[in-house]
Amino acid sequence: MDILFLLIPISLIIMGVAIWVFLWAIRSGQFEDLEGPAHRILMDDDDPLIPRRPELKEDDE
């Protein structure tokens, strides 16, 4: 029974921290664009990740 006097305040503190983190995330805009990352993964990147070597021209041979 004595452990309840310790566990209840600790659980209330943890719950308060979780609510504070959730409210901070809402205010800082973490949930603004939920569909953007899902659409971004489907888009093709036109820029190659590996740069191409300069192609040899016929005059340089």
PDB file of N, CA and C in Angstrom:
ATOM      1  N   MET A   1       0.820  -1.192   0.000  1.00  0.00           N
ATOM      2  CA  MET A   1       0.000   0.000   0.000  1.00  0.00           C
ATOM      3  C   MET A   1       0.861   1.252   0.000  1.00  0.00           C
ATOM      4  N   ASP A   2       2.014   1.193   0.659  1.00  0.00           N
ATOM      5  CA  ASP A   2       2.888   2.365   0.718  1.00  0.00           C
ATOM      6  C   ASP A   2       3.452   2.713  -0.662  1.00  0.00           C
ATOM      7  N   ILE A   3       3.582   1.708  -1.525  1.00  0.00           N
ATOM      8  CA  ILE A   3       4.143   1.958  -2.856  1.00  0.00           C
ATOM      9  C   ILE A   3       3.209   2.824  -3.686  1.00  0.00           C
ATOM     10  N   LEU A   4       1.912   2.787  -3.399  1.00  0.00           N
ATOM     11  CA  LEU A   4       0.967   3.630  -4.137  1.00  0.00           C
ATOM     12  C   LEU A   4       1.246   5.111  -3.917  1.00  0.00           C
ATOM     13  N   PHE A   5       1.730   5.466  -2.739  1.00  0.00           N
ATOM     14  CA  PHE A   5       2.049   6.871  -2.465  1.00  0.00           C
ATOM     15  C   PHE A   5       3.228   7.346  -3.322  1.00  0.00           C
ATOM     16  N   LEU A   6       4.003   6.419  -3.826  1.00  0.00           N
ATOM     17  CA  LEU A   6       5.112   6.757  -4.708  1.00  0.00           C
ATOM     18  C   LEU A   6       4.704   6.645  -6.178  1.00  0.00           C
ATOM     19  N   LEU A   7       3.970   5.596  -6.540  1.00  0.00           N
ATOM     20  CA  LEU A   7       3.652   5.340  -7.940  1.00  0.00           C
ATOM     21  C   LEU A   7       2.630   6.320  -8.517  1.00  0.00           C
ATOM     22  N   ILE A   8       1.658   6.728  -7.732  1.00  0.00           N
ATOM     23  CA  ILE A   8       0.633   7.645  -8.247  1.00  0.00           C
ATOM     24  C   ILE A   8       1.236   9.005  -8.609  1.00  0.00           C
ATOM     25  N   PRO A   9       2.035   9.645  -7.752  1.00  0.00           N
ATOM     26  CA  PRO A   9       2.638  10.918  -8.182  1.00  0.00           C
ATOM     27  C   PRO A   9       3.596  10.764  -9.362  1.00  0.00           C
ATOM     28  N   ILE A  10       4.347   9.677  -9.415  1.00  0.00           N
ATOM     29  CA  ILE A  10       5.259   9.461 -10.545  1.00  0.00           C
ATOM     30  C   ILE A  10       4.463   9.304 -11.838  1.00  0.00           C
ATOM     31  N   SER A  11       3.372   8.563 -11.790  1.00  0.00           N
ATOM     32  CA  SER A  11       2.560   8.379 -12.994  1.00  0.00           C
ATOM     33  C   SER A  11       1.909   9.696 -13.422  1.00  0.00           C
ATOM     34  N   LEU A  12       1.503  10.520 -12.475  1.00  0.00           N
ATOM     35  CA  LEU A  12       0.929  11.822 -12.824  1.00  0.00           C
ATOM     36  C   LEU A  12       1.975  12.739 -13.455  1.00  0.00           C
ATOM     37  N   ILE A  13       3.193  12.678 -12.964  1.00  0.00           N
ATOM     38  CA  ILE A  13       4.272  13.485 -13.546  1.00  0.00           C
ATOM     39  C   ILE A  13       4.569  13.018 -14.969  1.00  0.00           C
ATOM     40  N   ILE A  14       4.654  11.720 -15.174  1.00  0.00           N
ATOM     41  CA  ILE A  14       4.913  11.183 -16.513  1.00  0.00           C
ATOM     42  C   ILE A  14       3.779  11.542 -17.467  1.00  0.00           C
ATOM     43  N   MET A  15       2.539  11.466 -17.010  1.00  0.00           N
ATOM     44  CA  MET A  15       1.402  11.835 -17.834  1.00  0.00           C
ATOM     45  C   MET A  15       1.446  13.323 -18.178  1.00  0.00           C
ATOM     46  N   GLY A  16       1.818  14.158 -17.223  1.00  0.00           N
ATOM     47  CA  GLY A  16       1.939  15.595 -17.475  1.00  0.00           C
ATOM     48  C   GLY A  16       3.018  15.900 -18.500  1.00  0.00           C
ATOM     49  N   VAL A  17       4.148  15.199 -18.416  1.00  0.00           N
ATOM     50  CA  VAL A  17       5.223  15.393 -19.396  1.00  0.00           C
ATOM     51  C   VAL A  17       4.763  14.952 -20.781  1.00  0.00           C
ATOM     52  N   ALA A  18       4.042  13.841 -20.863  1.00  0.00           N
ATOM     53  CA  ALA A  18       3.546  13.351 -22.157  1.00  0.00           C
ATOM     54  C   ALA A  18       2.565  14.344 -22.773  1.00  0.00           C
ATOM     55  N   ILE A  19       1.687  14.915 -21.982  1.00  0.00           N
ATOM     56  CA  ILE A  19       0.738  15.910 -22.485  1.00  0.00           C
ATOM     57  C   ILE A  19       1.479  17.166 -22.937  1.00  0.00           C
ATOM     58  N   TRP A  20       2.493  17.581 -22.164  1.00  0.00           N
ATOM     59  CA  TRP A  20       3.269  18.760 -22.538  1.00  0.00           C
ATOM     60  C   TRP A  20       3.999  18.535 -23.861  1.00  0.00           C
ATOM     61  N   VAL A  21       4.592  17.350 -24.064  1.00  0.00           N
ATOM     62  CA  VAL A  21       5.292  17.040 -25.312  1.00  0.00           C
ATOM     63  C   VAL A  21       4.301  17.014 -26.473  1.00  0.00           C
ATOM     64  N   PHE A  22       3.121  16.465 -26.272  1.00  0.00           N
ATOM     65  CA  PHE A  22       2.107  16.421 -27.316  1.00  0.00           C
ATOM     66  C   PHE A  22       1.663  17.826 -27.700  1.00  0.00           C
ATOM     67  N   LEU A  23       1.415  18.678 -26.722  1.00  0.00           N
ATOM     68  CA  LEU A  23       1.014  20.058 -27.013  1.00  0.00           C
ATOM     69  C   LEU A  23       2.133  20.832 -27.686  1.00  0.00           C
ATOM     70  N   TRP A  24       3.375  20.586 -27.287  1.00  0.00           N
ATOM     71  CA  TRP A  24       4.509  21.234 -27.936  1.00  0.00           C
ATOM     72  C   TRP A  24       4.589  20.823 -29.410  1.00  0.00           C
ATOM     73  N   ALA A  25       4.351  19.536 -29.689  1.00  0.00           N
ATOM     74  CA  ALA A  25       4.405  19.048 -31.061  1.00  0.00           C
ATOM     75  C   ALA A  25       3.305  19.681 -31.909  1.00  0.00           C
ATOM     76  N   ILE A  26       2.142  19.871 -31.341  1.00  0.00           N
ATOM     77  CA  ILE A  26       1.050  20.501 -32.079  1.00  0.00           C
ATOM     78  C   ILE A  26       1.388  21.964 -32.363  1.00  0.00           C
ATOM     79  N   ARG A  27       1.880  22.683 -31.374  1.00  0.00           N
ATOM     80  CA  ARG A  27       2.191  24.110 -31.549  1.00  0.00           C
ATOM     81  C   ARG A  27       3.361  24.344 -32.488  1.00  0.00           C
ATOM     82  N   SER A  28       4.305  23.417 -32.552  1.00  0.00           N
ATOM     83  CA  SER A  28       5.478  23.617 -33.404  1.00  0.00           C
ATOM     84  C   SER A  28       5.233  23.161 -34.842  1.00  0.00           C
ATOM     85  N   GLY A  29       4.053  22.645 -35.144  1.00  0.00           N
ATOM     86  CA  GLY A  29       3.705  22.306 -36.520  1.00  0.00           C
ATOM     87  C   GLY A  29       4.129  20.920 -36.955  1.00  0.00           C
ATOM     88  N   GLN A  30       4.304  20.000 -36.044  1.00  0.00           N
ATOM     89  CA  GLN A  30       4.717  18.651 -36.413  1.00  0.00           C
ATOM     90  C   GLN A  30       3.636  17.895 -37.177  1.00  0.00           C
ATOM     91  N   PHE A  31       2.384  18.276 -37.009  1.00  0.00           N
ATOM     92  CA  PHE A  31       1.282  17.557 -37.638  1.00  0.00           C
ATOM     93  C   PHE A  31       0.641  18.370 -38.761  1.00  0.00           C
ATOM     94  N   GLU A  32       1.358  19.358 -39.308  1.00  0.00           N
ATOM     95  CA  GLU A  32       0.797  20.220 -40.339  1.00  0.00           C
ATOM     96  C   GLU A  32       0.588  19.475 -41.651  1.00  0.00           C
ATOM     97  N   ASP A  33       1.610  18.803 -42.148  1.00  0.00           N
ATOM     98  CA  ASP A  33       1.552  18.167 -43.459  1.00  0.00           C
ATOM     99  C   ASP A  33       1.708  16.660 -43.292  1.00  0.00           C
ATOM    100  N   LEU A  34       0.599  15.973 -43.175  1.00  0.00           N
ATOM    101  CA  LEU A  34       0.646  14.531 -42.975  1.00  0.00           C
ATOM    102  C   LEU A  34       0.754  13.764 -44.286  1.00  0.00           C
ATOM    103  N   GLU A  35       0.343  14.384 -45.410  1.00  0.00           N
ATOM    104  CA  GLU A  35       0.359  13.673 -46.683  1.00  0.00           C
ATOM    105  C   GLU A  35       1.617  13.965 -47.493  1.00  0.00           C
ATOM    106  N   GLY A  36       2.353  14.997 -47.162  1.00  0.00           N
ATOM    107  CA  GLY A  36       3.530  15.376 -47.935  1.00  0.00           C
ATOM    108  C   GLY A  36       4.576  14.286 -48.042  1.00  0.00           C
ATOM    109  N   PRO A  37       5.028  13.700 -46.930  1.00  0.00           N
ATOM    110  CA  PRO A  37       6.029  12.640 -47.042  1.00  0.00           C
ATOM    111  C   PRO A  37       5.531  11.417 -47.816  1.00  0.00           C
ATOM    112  N   ALA A  38       4.254  11.119 -47.729  1.00  0.00           N
ATOM    113  CA  ALA A  38       3.716   9.968 -48.462  1.00  0.00           C
ATOM    114  C   ALA A  38       3.741  10.221 -49.961  1.00  0.00           C
ATOM    115  N   HIS A  39       3.468  11.461 -50.381  1.00  0.00           N
ATOM    116  CA  HIS A  39       3.506  11.782 -51.806  1.00  0.00           C
ATOM    117  C   HIS A  39       4.940  11.954 -52.290  1.00  0.00           C
ATOM    118  N   ARG A  40       5.810  12.461 -51.442  1.00  0.00           N
ATOM    119  CA  ARG A  40       7.188  12.719 -51.824  1.00  0.00           C
ATOM    120  C   ARG A  40       7.935  11.430 -52.162  1.00  0.00           C
ATOM    121  N   ILE A  41       7.590  10.329 -51.499  1.00  0.00           N
ATOM    122  CA  ILE A  41       8.285   9.067 -51.764  1.00  0.00           C
ATOM    123  C   ILE A  41       7.901   8.504 -53.128  1.00  0.00           C
ATOM    124  N   LEU A  42       6.739   8.906 -53.652  1.00  0.00           N
ATOM    125  CA  LEU A  42       6.297   8.408 -54.944  1.00  0.00           C
ATOM    126  C   LEU A  42       6.860   9.213 -56.107  1.00  0.00           C
ATOM    127  N   MET A  43       7.311  10.427 -55.849  1.00  0.00           N
ATOM    128  CA  MET A  43       7.819  11.291 -56.911  1.00  0.00           C
ATOM    129  C   MET A  43       9.198  10.827 -57.362  1.00  0.00           C
ATOM    130  N   ASP A  44       9.433  10.949 -58.658  1.00  0.00           N
ATOM    131  CA  ASP A  44      10.727  10.589 -59.222  1.00  0.00           C
ATOM    132  C   ASP A  44      11.656  11.790 -59.137  1.00  0.00           C
ATOM    133  N   ASP A  45      12.865  11.569 -58.710  1.00  0.00           N
ATOM    134  CA  ASP A  45      13.854  12.631 -58.691  1.00  0.00           C
ATOM    135  C   ASP A  45      14.523  12.683 -60.052  1.00  0.00           C
ATOM    136  N   ASP A  46      14.532  13.851 -60.655  1.00  0.00           N
ATOM    137  CA  ASP A  46      15.163  14.003 -61.959  1.00  0.00           C
ATOM    138  C   ASP A  46      16.675  14.138 -61.850  1.00  0.00           C
ATOM    139  N   ASP A  47      17.154  14.593 -60.720  1.00  0.00           N
ATOM    140  CA  ASP A  47      18.588  14.774 -60.546  1.00  0.00           C
ATOM    141  C   ASP A  47      19.231  13.437 -60.208  1.00  0.00           C
ATOM    142  N   PRO A  48      20.247  13.033 -60.966  1.00  0.00           N
ATOM    143  CA  PRO A  48      20.930  11.772 -60.625  1.00  0.00           C
ATOM    144  C   PRO A  48      21.772  11.949 -59.361  1.00  0.00           C
ATOM    145  N   LEU A  49      21.825  10.927 -58.559  1.00  0.00           N
ATOM    146  CA  LEU A  49      22.610  10.995 -57.337  1.00  0.00           C
ATOM    147  C   LEU A  49      24.099  10.892 -57.626  1.00  0.00           C
ATOM    148  N   ILE A  50      24.464  10.140 -58.689  1.00  0.00           N
ATOM    149  CA  ILE A  50      25.864   9.986 -59.063  1.00  0.00           C
ATOM    150  C   ILE A  50      26.116  10.895 -60.270  1.00  0.00           C
ATOM    151  N   PRO A  51      27.031  11.836 -60.166  1.00  0.00           N
ATOM    152  CA  PRO A  51      27.258  12.730 -61.310  1.00  0.00           C
ATOM    153  C   PRO A  51      27.842  11.960 -62.490  1.00  0.00           C
ATOM    154  N   ARG A  52      27.415  12.341 -63.670  1.00  0.00           N
ATOM    155  CA  ARG A  52      27.883  11.675 -64.876  1.00  0.00           C
ATOM    156  C   ARG A  52      29.264  12.184 -65.261  1.00  0.00           C
ATOM    157  N   ARG A  53      30.020  11.292 -65.908  1.00  0.00           N
ATOM    158  CA  ARG A  53      31.318  11.707 -66.435  1.00  0.00           C
ATOM    159  C   ARG A  53      31.083  12.535 -67.689  1.00  0.00           C
ATOM    160  N   PRO A  54      31.917  13.504 -67.916  1.00  0.00           N
ATOM    161  CA  PRO A  54      31.749  14.275 -69.159  1.00  0.00           C
ATOM    162  C   PRO A  54      31.943  13.350 -70.362  1.00  0.00           C
ATOM    163  N   GLU A  55      31.017  13.404 -71.277  1.00  0.00           N
ATOM    164  CA  GLU A  55      31.085  12.556 -72.455  1.00  0.00           C
ATOM    165  C   GLU A  55      32.150  13.081 -73.405  1.00  0.00           C
ATOM    166  N   LEU A  56      32.837  12.161 -74.017  1.00  0.00           N
ATOM    167  CA  LEU A  56      33.882  12.540 -74.952  1.00  0.00           C
ATOM    168  C   LEU A  56      33.264  13.019 -76.259  1.00  0.00           C
ATOM    169  N   LYS A  57      33.744  14.130 -76.726  1.00  0.00           N
ATOM    170  CA  LYS A  57      33.269  14.644 -78.004  1.00  0.00           C
ATOM    171  C   LYS A  57      34.113  14.027 -79.111  1.00  0.00           C
ATOM    172  N   GLU A  58      33.617  14.057 -80.319  1.00  0.00           N
ATOM    173  CA  GLU A  58      34.334  13.470 -81.434  1.00  0.00           C
ATOM    174  C   GLU A  58      35.616  14.254 -81.734  1.00  0.00           C
ATOM    175  N   ASP A  59      35.633  15.546 -81.440  1.00  0.00           N
ATOM    176  CA  ASP A  59      36.800  16.375 -81.717  1.00  0.00           C
ATOM    177  C   ASP A  59      37.935  16.095 -80.742  1.00  0.00           C
ATOM    178  N   ASP A  60      37.633  15.593 -79.534  1.00  0.00           N
ATOM    179  CA  ASP A  60      38.653  15.388 -78.505  1.00  0.00           C
ATOM    180  C   ASP A  60      39.445  14.117 -78.713  1.00  0.00           C
ATOM    181  N   GLU A  61      39.017  13.223 -79.558  1.00  0.00           N
ATOM    182  CA  GLU A  61      39.681  11.932 -79.720  1.00  0.00           C
ATOM    183  C   GLU A  61      40.976  12.034 -80.392  1.00  0.00           C
TER     184      GLU A  61
END
